[in-house]
Protein backbone atom coordinates (compact mmCIF):
# COMPACT_ATOMS: atom_id res chain seq x y z
CA UNK A 1 3.97 23.10 30.37
CA UNK A 2 2.96 25.13 33.04
CA UNK A 3 5.28 29.26 33.78
CA UNK A 4 6.98 26.80 36.73
CA UNK A 5 8.10 24.46 34.25
CA UNK A 6 9.25 25.71 31.81
CA UNK A 7 11.68 28.45 34.33
CA UNK A 8 12.85 26.06 36.25
CA UNK A 9 14.00 24.33 32.06
CA UNK A 10 15.55 27.21 31.64
CA UNK A 11 17.69 27.46 35.04
CA UNK A 12 18.09 23.75 34.99
CA UNK A 13 19.42 24.89 30.86
CA UNK A 14 21.33 27.29 32.23
CA UNK A 15 22.92 25.40 34.29
CA UNK A 16 24.45 23.59 32.35
CA UNK A 17 25.77 26.17 29.55
CA UNK A 18 27.99 27.54 32.56
CA UNK A 19 28.94 24.64 34.02
CA UNK A 20 30.77 23.12 30.60
CA UNK A 21 31.94 26.75 29.89
CA UNK A 22 33.63 26.67 32.88
CA UNK A 23 35.06 22.72 32.59
CA UNK A 24 35.98 24.00 28.48
CA UNK A 25 38.37 27.13 30.22
CA UNK A 26 39.33 25.35 33.12
CA UNK A 27 40.67 22.76 30.33
CA UNK A 28 42.09 25.16 27.42
CA UNK A 29 44.19 27.69 29.78
CA UNK A 30 47.52 27.59 29.26
CA UNK A 31 50.11 26.15 32.63
CA UNK A 32 52.92 27.23 33.13
CA UNK A 33 55.78 26.95 30.86
CA UNK A 34 54.26 25.19 28.08
CA UNK A 35 54.17 28.78 26.11
CA UNK A 36 56.31 27.91 23.92
CA UNK A 37 54.72 23.76 23.08
CA UNK A 38 51.46 25.06 22.84
CA UNK A 39 52.51 27.87 20.38
CA UNK A 40 54.48 25.47 18.44
CA UNK A 41 52.43 22.73 17.88
CA UNK A 42 51.04 21.46 15.00
CA UNK A 43 50.09 18.45 13.17
CA UNK A 44 52.90 19.02 10.63
CA UNK A 45 56.63 17.28 11.06
CA UNK A 46 58.60 20.50 12.60
CA UNK A 47 60.68 21.06 9.59
CA UNK A 48 59.92 24.54 8.75
CA UNK A 49 59.21 26.07 5.59
CA UNK A 50 61.74 27.17 4.32
CA UNK A 51 64.69 24.59 4.88
CA UNK A 52 62.35 21.92 2.81
CA UNK A 53 60.79 24.11 -0.11
CA UNK A 54 62.57 24.28 -3.06
CA UNK A 55 61.07 26.01 -6.21
CA UNK A 56 61.48 24.42 -9.61
CA UNK A 57 64.05 21.36 -8.24
CA UNK A 58 64.86 18.91 -10.44
CA UNK A 59 64.99 15.95 -7.50
C-alpha cells in the first residue's frame, strides 16, 4: 500500500467512526417527558426492595 491508499483508508475509517458515534449519540439522547421512565426502568419487577425483603421470615 502506498501513502495515498493509507491516507484514503484512514479517512474512510475516521468518517465511519464519526457517523456511528453520531448515530448512537442521537439514539441515547433523552426525550423530554421520559426522564422518570428512563431512571426507573430495570429488568426487575416494580416491587421495591423494602416491600419484598423480610429478613428471617418464616414463610
